[in-house]
Amino acid sequence: MDRFKKAKYASTLGIIGNVFLLIIKGTIGLITKSQAMIADALNSAGDIFSSLMTYIGNKIASLPKDEDHNLGHGKAEYIYSMLISIIMILMALLIIKSGVETLIKNKTYTYSIWLIIISIITIITKLSLYIYTNKIGKKYNNLLVKANAKDHINDCLLTTGTLISCIFAKYSIFIFDGIVGLIIGLWILVTGLKIFK
């Protein structure tokens, strides 16, 4: 039972962390019109859904066996992992579309030091979530928590790209904003397809 309690705690932490990141990234992204930061915020919205699916899937998987499920409800982990992958794929396609539009239209945005601060806060938050969820996922061999941990570490790498594009924007080099948005979308797509597989 400890396995499910730990997974529940990991998913709850993920929901709280991602709601916080969605609010700060979404606010700064919309104010500055940074494509990379908006893509990062959309990714956080997808992460909230992933953590929610982890929570629900874990809750169902923890149910004891009954007449209809004589081996228990463990397969729920696979079903909810698949749902996580589908939402990641849909989110990725939306981000890729937006990134391509930004590059074609050569959009610029308003630089703000807050873009860099938010990126650093995101990296620290996501790295902390990854360390914890990865430990729990490996210890209890929980597929849902492992998928969630993978998502957290991907976010660290993606936000590093956002940070780099924000640093370039300080010197009025905006092309990296669309490129980073596109890379974020492609990265999420590949990860989503791997989890689905």
C-alpha atoms as a PDB file:
ATOM      1  CA  MET A   1       0.000   0.000   0.000  1.00  0.00           C
ATOM      2  CA  ASP A   2       2.974   2.288   0.620  1.00  0.00           C
ATOM      3  CA  ARG A   3       3.639   2.137  -3.144  1.00  0.00           C
ATOM      4  CA  PHE A   4       0.314   3.819  -3.902  1.00  0.00           C
ATOM      5  CA  LYS A   5       0.605   6.373  -1.083  1.00  0.00           C
ATOM      6  CA  LYS A   6       4.001   7.501  -2.381  1.00  0.00           C
ATOM      7  CA  ALA A   7       2.688   7.718  -5.962  1.00  0.00           C
ATOM      8  CA  LYS A   8      -0.306   9.736  -4.725  1.00  0.00           C
ATOM      9  CA  TYR A   9       2.027  12.151  -2.923  1.00  0.00           C
ATOM     10  CA  ALA A  10       4.279  12.460  -6.009  1.00  0.00           C
ATOM     11  CA  SER A  11       1.313  13.261  -8.278  1.00  0.00           C
ATOM     12  CA  THR A  12      -0.093  15.782  -5.759  1.00  0.00           C
ATOM     13  CA  LEU A  13       3.272  17.567  -5.646  1.00  0.00           C
ATOM     14  CA  GLY A  14       3.292  17.559  -9.456  1.00  0.00           C
ATOM     15  CA  ILE A  15      -0.164  19.154  -9.642  1.00  0.00           C
ATOM     16  CA  ILE A  16       0.728  21.907  -7.124  1.00  0.00           C
ATOM     17  CA  GLY A  17       4.102  22.616  -8.783  1.00  0.00           C
ATOM     18  CA  ASN A  18       2.658  22.729 -12.299  1.00  0.00           C
ATOM     19  CA  VAL A  19      -0.292  24.984 -11.368  1.00  0.00           C
ATOM     20  CA  PHE A  20       2.227  27.424  -9.867  1.00  0.00           C
ATOM     21  CA  LEU A  21       4.426  27.265 -12.995  1.00  0.00           C
ATOM     22  CA  LEU A  22       1.452  27.594 -15.368  1.00  0.00           C
ATOM     23  CA  ILE A  23       0.357  30.807 -13.630  1.00  0.00           C
ATOM     24  CA  ILE A  24       3.773  32.497 -13.601  1.00  0.00           C
ATOM     25  CA  LYS A  25       4.855  31.340 -17.085  1.00  0.00           C
ATOM     26  CA  GLY A  26       1.468  32.076 -18.637  1.00  0.00           C
ATOM     27  CA  THR A  27       1.341  35.565 -17.129  1.00  0.00           C
ATOM     28  CA  ILE A  28       4.867  36.558 -18.230  1.00  0.00           C
ATOM     29  CA  GLY A  29       4.501  34.805 -21.606  1.00  0.00           C
ATOM     30  CA  LEU A  30       1.301  36.698 -22.440  1.00  0.00           C
ATOM     31  CA  ILE A  31       2.662  40.045 -21.200  1.00  0.00           C
ATOM     32  CA  THR A  32       5.898  39.763 -23.220  1.00  0.00           C
ATOM     33  CA  LYS A  33       4.417  37.697 -26.108  1.00  0.00           C
ATOM     34  CA  SER A  34       7.389  35.298 -25.921  1.00  0.00           C
ATOM     35  CA  GLN A  35       6.555  32.200 -27.997  1.00  0.00           C
ATOM     36  CA  ALA A  36       9.032  30.056 -26.045  1.00  0.00           C
ATOM     37  CA  MET A  37       7.527  31.074 -22.685  1.00  0.00           C
ATOM     38  CA  ILE A  38       3.948  30.596 -23.930  1.00  0.00           C
ATOM     39  CA  ALA A  39       4.926  27.124 -25.241  1.00  0.00           C
ATOM     40  CA  ASP A  40       6.490  26.431 -21.848  1.00  0.00           C
ATOM     41  CA  ALA A  41       3.245  27.530 -20.133  1.00  0.00           C
ATOM     42  CA  LEU A  42       1.178  25.258 -22.414  1.00  0.00           C
ATOM     43  CA  ASN A  43       3.543  22.457 -21.506  1.00  0.00           C
ATOM     44  CA  SER A  44       2.800  23.136 -17.817  1.00  0.00           C
ATOM     45  CA  ALA A  45      -0.931  22.922 -18.574  1.00  0.00           C
ATOM     46  CA  GLY A  46      -0.290  19.496 -20.118  1.00  0.00           C
ATOM     47  CA  ASP A  47       1.784  18.560 -17.059  1.00  0.00           C
ATOM     48  CA  ILE A  48      -1.141  19.363 -14.758  1.00  0.00           C
ATOM     49  CA  PHE A  49      -3.235  16.919 -16.770  1.00  0.00           C
ATOM     50  CA  SER A  50      -0.424  14.317 -16.607  1.00  0.00           C
ATOM     51  CA  SER A  51      -0.143  14.641 -12.830  1.00  0.00           C
ATOM     52  CA  LEU A  52      -3.945  14.413 -12.543  1.00  0.00           C
ATOM     53  CA  MET A  53      -3.945  11.239 -14.664  1.00  0.00           C
ATOM     54  CA  THR A  54      -1.147   9.844 -12.473  1.00  0.00           C
ATOM     55  CA  TYR A  55      -3.235  10.585  -9.383  1.00  0.00           C
ATOM     56  CA  ILE A  56      -6.440   9.027 -10.770  1.00  0.00           C
ATOM     57  CA  GLY A  57      -4.683   6.052 -12.393  1.00  0.00           C
ATOM     58  CA  ASN A  58      -2.783   5.356  -9.191  1.00  0.00           C
ATOM     59  CA  LYS A  59      -5.989   5.520  -7.147  1.00  0.00           C
ATOM     60  CA  ILE A  60      -7.705   2.979  -9.432  1.00  0.00           C
ATOM     61  CA  ALA A  61      -4.622   0.728  -9.570  1.00  0.00           C
ATOM     62  CA  SER A  62      -4.518   0.641  -5.748  1.00  0.00           C
ATOM     63  CA  LEU A  63      -8.032  -0.876  -5.514  1.00  0.00           C
ATOM     64  CA  PRO A  64      -8.050  -4.481  -4.286  1.00  0.00           C
ATOM     65  CA  LYS A  65      -9.173  -7.366  -6.493  1.00  0.00           C
ATOM     66  CA  ASP A  66     -12.891  -7.969  -6.841  1.00  0.00           C
ATOM     67  CA  GLU A  67     -15.269 -10.223  -8.810  1.00  0.00           C
ATOM     68  CA  ASP A  68     -14.673  -8.379 -12.085  1.00  0.00           C
ATOM     69  CA  HIS A  69     -10.914  -7.938 -11.538  1.00  0.00           C
ATOM     70  CA  ASN A  70      -9.586 -11.099  -9.926  1.00  0.00           C
ATOM     71  CA  LEU A  71      -5.985  -9.926 -10.393  1.00  0.00           C
ATOM     72  CA  GLY A  72      -6.652  -6.383  -9.119  1.00  0.00           C
ATOM     73  CA  HIS A  73      -6.710  -3.064 -10.996  1.00  0.00           C
ATOM     74  CA  GLY A  74      -2.994  -2.744 -11.853  1.00  0.00           C
ATOM     75  CA  LYS A  75      -3.667  -2.355 -15.594  1.00  0.00           C
ATOM     76  CA  ALA A  76      -5.029   1.132 -14.844  1.00  0.00           C
ATOM     77  CA  GLU A  77      -1.396   2.284 -14.764  1.00  0.00           C
ATOM     78  CA  TYR A  78      -1.040   1.372 -18.463  1.00  0.00           C
ATOM     79  CA  ILE A  79      -4.353   2.964 -19.482  1.00  0.00           C
ATOM     80  CA  TYR A  80      -3.641   6.247 -17.715  1.00  0.00           C
ATOM     81  CA  SER A  81      -0.047   6.322 -18.993  1.00  0.00           C
ATOM     82  CA  MET A  82      -1.555   6.071 -22.487  1.00  0.00           C
ATOM     83  CA  LEU A  83      -3.900   9.004 -21.733  1.00  0.00           C
ATOM     84  CA  ILE A  84      -0.881  11.045 -20.568  1.00  0.00           C
ATOM     85  CA  SER A  85       0.890  10.286 -23.858  1.00  0.00           C
ATOM     86  CA  ILE A  86      -2.143  11.296 -25.961  1.00  0.00           C
ATOM     87  CA  ILE A  87      -2.480  14.685 -24.237  1.00  0.00           C
ATOM     88  CA  MET A  88       1.275  15.222 -24.670  1.00  0.00           C
ATOM     89  CA  ILE A  89       1.016  14.493 -28.410  1.00  0.00           C
ATOM     90  CA  LEU A  90      -1.939  16.900 -28.853  1.00  0.00           C
ATOM     91  CA  MET A  91      -0.171  19.622 -26.840  1.00  0.00           C
ATOM     92  CA  ALA A  92       2.988  19.119 -28.916  1.00  0.00           C
ATOM     93  CA  LEU A  93       1.127  19.565 -32.218  1.00  0.00           C
ATOM     94  CA  LEU A  94      -0.388  22.824 -30.948  1.00  0.00           C
ATOM     95  CA  ILE A  95       3.037  24.134 -29.853  1.00  0.00           C
ATOM     96  CA  ILE A  96       4.690  23.090 -33.162  1.00  0.00           C
ATOM     97  CA  LYS A  97       1.988  24.929 -35.144  1.00  0.00           C
ATOM     98  CA  SER A  98       2.509  28.063 -33.066  1.00  0.00           C
ATOM     99  CA  GLY A  99       6.315  27.831 -33.369  1.00  0.00           C
ATOM    100  CA  VAL A 100       6.146  27.541 -37.170  1.00  0.00           C
ATOM    101  CA  GLU A 101       3.796  30.565 -37.360  1.00  0.00           C
ATOM    102  CA  THR A 102       6.215  32.602 -35.216  1.00  0.00           C
ATOM    103  CA  LEU A 103       9.143  31.764 -37.518  1.00  0.00           C
ATOM    104  CA  ILE A 104       7.174  32.447 -40.728  1.00  0.00           C
ATOM    105  CA  LYS A 105       5.801  35.781 -39.481  1.00  0.00           C
ATOM    106  CA  ASN A 106       9.151  36.690 -37.861  1.00  0.00           C
ATOM    107  CA  LYS A 107       7.429  37.790 -34.643  1.00  0.00           C
ATOM    108  CA  THR A 108       9.274  39.727 -31.958  1.00  0.00           C
ATOM    109  CA  TYR A 109       8.395  40.226 -28.299  1.00  0.00           C
ATOM    110  CA  THR A 110       9.105  42.480 -25.344  1.00  0.00           C
ATOM    111  CA  TYR A 111      12.186  41.423 -23.381  1.00  0.00           C
ATOM    112  CA  SER A 112      11.833  41.331 -19.599  1.00  0.00           C
ATOM    113  CA  ILE A 113      14.238  40.176 -16.870  1.00  0.00           C
ATOM    114  CA  TRP A 114      11.225  38.239 -15.547  1.00  0.00           C
ATOM    115  CA  LEU A 115      11.551  35.843 -18.495  1.00  0.00           C
ATOM    116  CA  ILE A 116      14.964  34.785 -17.175  1.00  0.00           C
ATOM    117  CA  ILE A 117      13.832  34.690 -13.522  1.00  0.00           C
ATOM    118  CA  ILE A 118      10.775  32.541 -14.371  1.00  0.00           C
ATOM    119  CA  SER A 119      12.932  30.178 -16.442  1.00  0.00           C
ATOM    120  CA  ILE A 120      15.353  29.672 -13.522  1.00  0.00           C
ATOM    121  CA  ILE A 121      12.467  29.137 -11.044  1.00  0.00           C
ATOM    122  CA  THR A 122      10.963  26.563 -13.456  1.00  0.00           C
ATOM    123  CA  ILE A 123      14.244  24.655 -13.827  1.00  0.00           C
ATOM    124  CA  ILE A 124      14.740  24.466 -10.039  1.00  0.00           C
ATOM    125  CA  THR A 125      11.102  23.404  -9.431  1.00  0.00           C
ATOM    126  CA  LYS A 126      11.110  20.767 -12.160  1.00  0.00           C
ATOM    127  CA  LEU A 127      14.504  19.366 -11.182  1.00  0.00           C
ATOM    128  CA  SER A 128      13.276  18.951  -7.589  1.00  0.00           C
ATOM    129  CA  LEU A 129      10.091  17.211  -8.803  1.00  0.00           C
ATOM    130  CA  TYR A 130      12.158  14.951 -11.078  1.00  0.00           C
ATOM    131  CA  ILE A 131      14.545  13.863  -8.304  1.00  0.00           C
ATOM    132  CA  TYR A 132      11.639  12.929  -6.039  1.00  0.00           C
ATOM    133  CA  THR A 133       9.375  11.232  -8.618  1.00  0.00           C
ATOM    134  CA  ASN A 134      12.266   9.360 -10.239  1.00  0.00           C
ATOM    135  CA  LYS A 135      13.263   7.947  -6.849  1.00  0.00           C
ATOM    136  CA  ILE A 136       9.672   6.829  -6.113  1.00  0.00           C
ATOM    137  CA  GLY A 137       9.126   5.475  -9.649  1.00  0.00           C
ATOM    138  CA  LYS A 138      12.260   3.326  -9.496  1.00  0.00           C
ATOM    139  CA  LYS A 139      11.772   2.183  -5.907  1.00  0.00           C
ATOM    140  CA  TYR A 140       8.196   0.967  -6.474  1.00  0.00           C
ATOM    141  CA  ASN A 141       8.497   0.243 -10.221  1.00  0.00           C
ATOM    142  CA  ASN A 142       5.424   2.418 -10.880  1.00  0.00           C
ATOM    143  CA  LEU A 143       4.909   3.074 -14.609  1.00  0.00           C
ATOM    144  CA  LEU A 144       2.757   6.184 -14.014  1.00  0.00           C
ATOM    145  CA  VAL A 145       5.286   7.828 -11.693  1.00  0.00           C
ATOM    146  CA  LYS A 146       8.134   6.923 -14.069  1.00  0.00           C
ATOM    147  CA  ALA A 147       6.258   8.610 -16.963  1.00  0.00           C
ATOM    148  CA  ASN A 148       5.696  11.655 -14.752  1.00  0.00           C
ATOM    149  CA  ALA A 149       9.399  11.765 -13.762  1.00  0.00           C
ATOM    150  CA  LYS A 150      10.407  11.624 -17.443  1.00  0.00           C
ATOM    151  CA  ASP A 151       8.122  14.572 -18.100  1.00  0.00           C
ATOM    152  CA  HIS A 152       9.722  16.579 -15.261  1.00  0.00           C
ATOM    153  CA  ILE A 153      13.296  16.083 -16.518  1.00  0.00           C
ATOM    154  CA  ASN A 154      12.230  16.896 -20.100  1.00  0.00           C
ATOM    155  CA  ASP A 155      10.772  20.154 -18.786  1.00  0.00           C
ATOM    156  CA  CYS A 156      14.124  21.052 -17.192  1.00  0.00           C
ATOM    157  CA  LEU A 157      15.866  20.650 -20.546  1.00  0.00           C
ATOM    158  CA  LEU A 158      13.131  22.459 -22.469  1.00  0.00           C
ATOM    159  CA  THR A 159      13.085  25.415 -20.078  1.00  0.00           C
ATOM    160  CA  THR A 160      16.866  25.637 -20.438  1.00  0.00           C
ATOM    161  CA  GLY A 161      16.131  26.264 -24.134  1.00  0.00           C
ATOM    162  CA  THR A 162      13.589  28.929 -23.157  1.00  0.00           C
ATOM    163  CA  LEU A 163      16.209  30.524 -20.898  1.00  0.00           C
ATOM    164  CA  ILE A 164      18.731  30.630 -23.763  1.00  0.00           C
ATOM    165  CA  SER A 165      16.174  32.241 -26.123  1.00  0.00           C
ATOM    166  CA  CYS A 166      15.356  34.846 -23.434  1.00  0.00           C
ATOM    167  CA  ILE A 167      19.056  35.688 -23.048  1.00  0.00           C
ATOM    168  CA  PHE A 168      19.318  36.172 -26.834  1.00  0.00           C
ATOM    169  CA  ALA A 169      16.202  38.387 -26.733  1.00  0.00           C
ATOM    170  CA  LYS A 170      18.043  40.704 -24.326  1.00  0.00           C
ATOM    171  CA  TYR A 171      20.299  41.495 -27.310  1.00  0.00           C
ATOM    172  CA  SER A 172      17.322  41.801 -29.706  1.00  0.00           C
ATOM    173  CA  ILE A 173      17.934  38.404 -31.328  1.00  0.00           C
ATOM    174  CA  PHE A 174      14.396  37.004 -31.511  1.00  0.00           C
ATOM    175  CA  ILE A 175      14.712  34.143 -34.025  1.00  0.00           C
ATOM    176  CA  PHE A 176      15.583  31.674 -31.244  1.00  0.00           C
ATOM    177  CA  ASP A 177      12.193  32.255 -29.632  1.00  0.00           C
ATOM    178  CA  GLY A 178      10.332  30.523 -32.464  1.00  0.00           C
ATOM    179  CA  ILE A 179      13.049  27.883 -32.826  1.00  0.00           C
ATOM    180  CA  VAL A 180      12.903  27.027 -29.103  1.00  0.00           C
ATOM    181  CA  GLY A 181       9.089  26.914 -29.251  1.00  0.00           C
ATOM    182  CA  LEU A 182       9.383  24.475 -32.164  1.00  0.00           C
ATOM    183  CA  ILE A 183      12.027  22.340 -30.376  1.00  0.00           C
ATOM    184  CA  ILE A 184       9.834  22.199 -27.245  1.00  0.00           C
ATOM    185  CA  GLY A 185       6.907  21.000 -29.362  1.00  0.00           C
ATOM    186  CA  LEU A 186       8.964  18.334 -31.163  1.00  0.00           C
ATOM    187  CA  TRP A 187      10.519  17.144 -27.899  1.00  0.00           C
ATOM    188  CA  ILE A 188       7.105  16.744 -26.257  1.00  0.00           C
ATOM    189  CA  LEU A 189       5.837  14.931 -29.371  1.00  0.00           C
ATOM    190  CA  VAL A 190       8.706  12.397 -29.322  1.00  0.00           C
ATOM    191  CA  THR A 191       8.312  11.839 -25.554  1.00  0.00           C
ATOM    192  CA  GLY A 192       4.539  11.405 -25.921  1.00  0.00           C
ATOM    193  CA  LEU A 193       4.994   8.876 -28.733  1.00  0.00           C
ATOM    194  CA  LYS A 194       7.547   6.907 -26.657  1.00  0.00           C
ATOM    195  CA  ILE A 195       5.204   6.747 -23.656  1.00  0.00           C
ATOM    196  CA  PHE A 196       2.327   5.733 -25.953  1.00  0.00           C
ATOM    197  CA  LYS A 197       4.463   2.956 -27.480  1.00  0.00           C
END
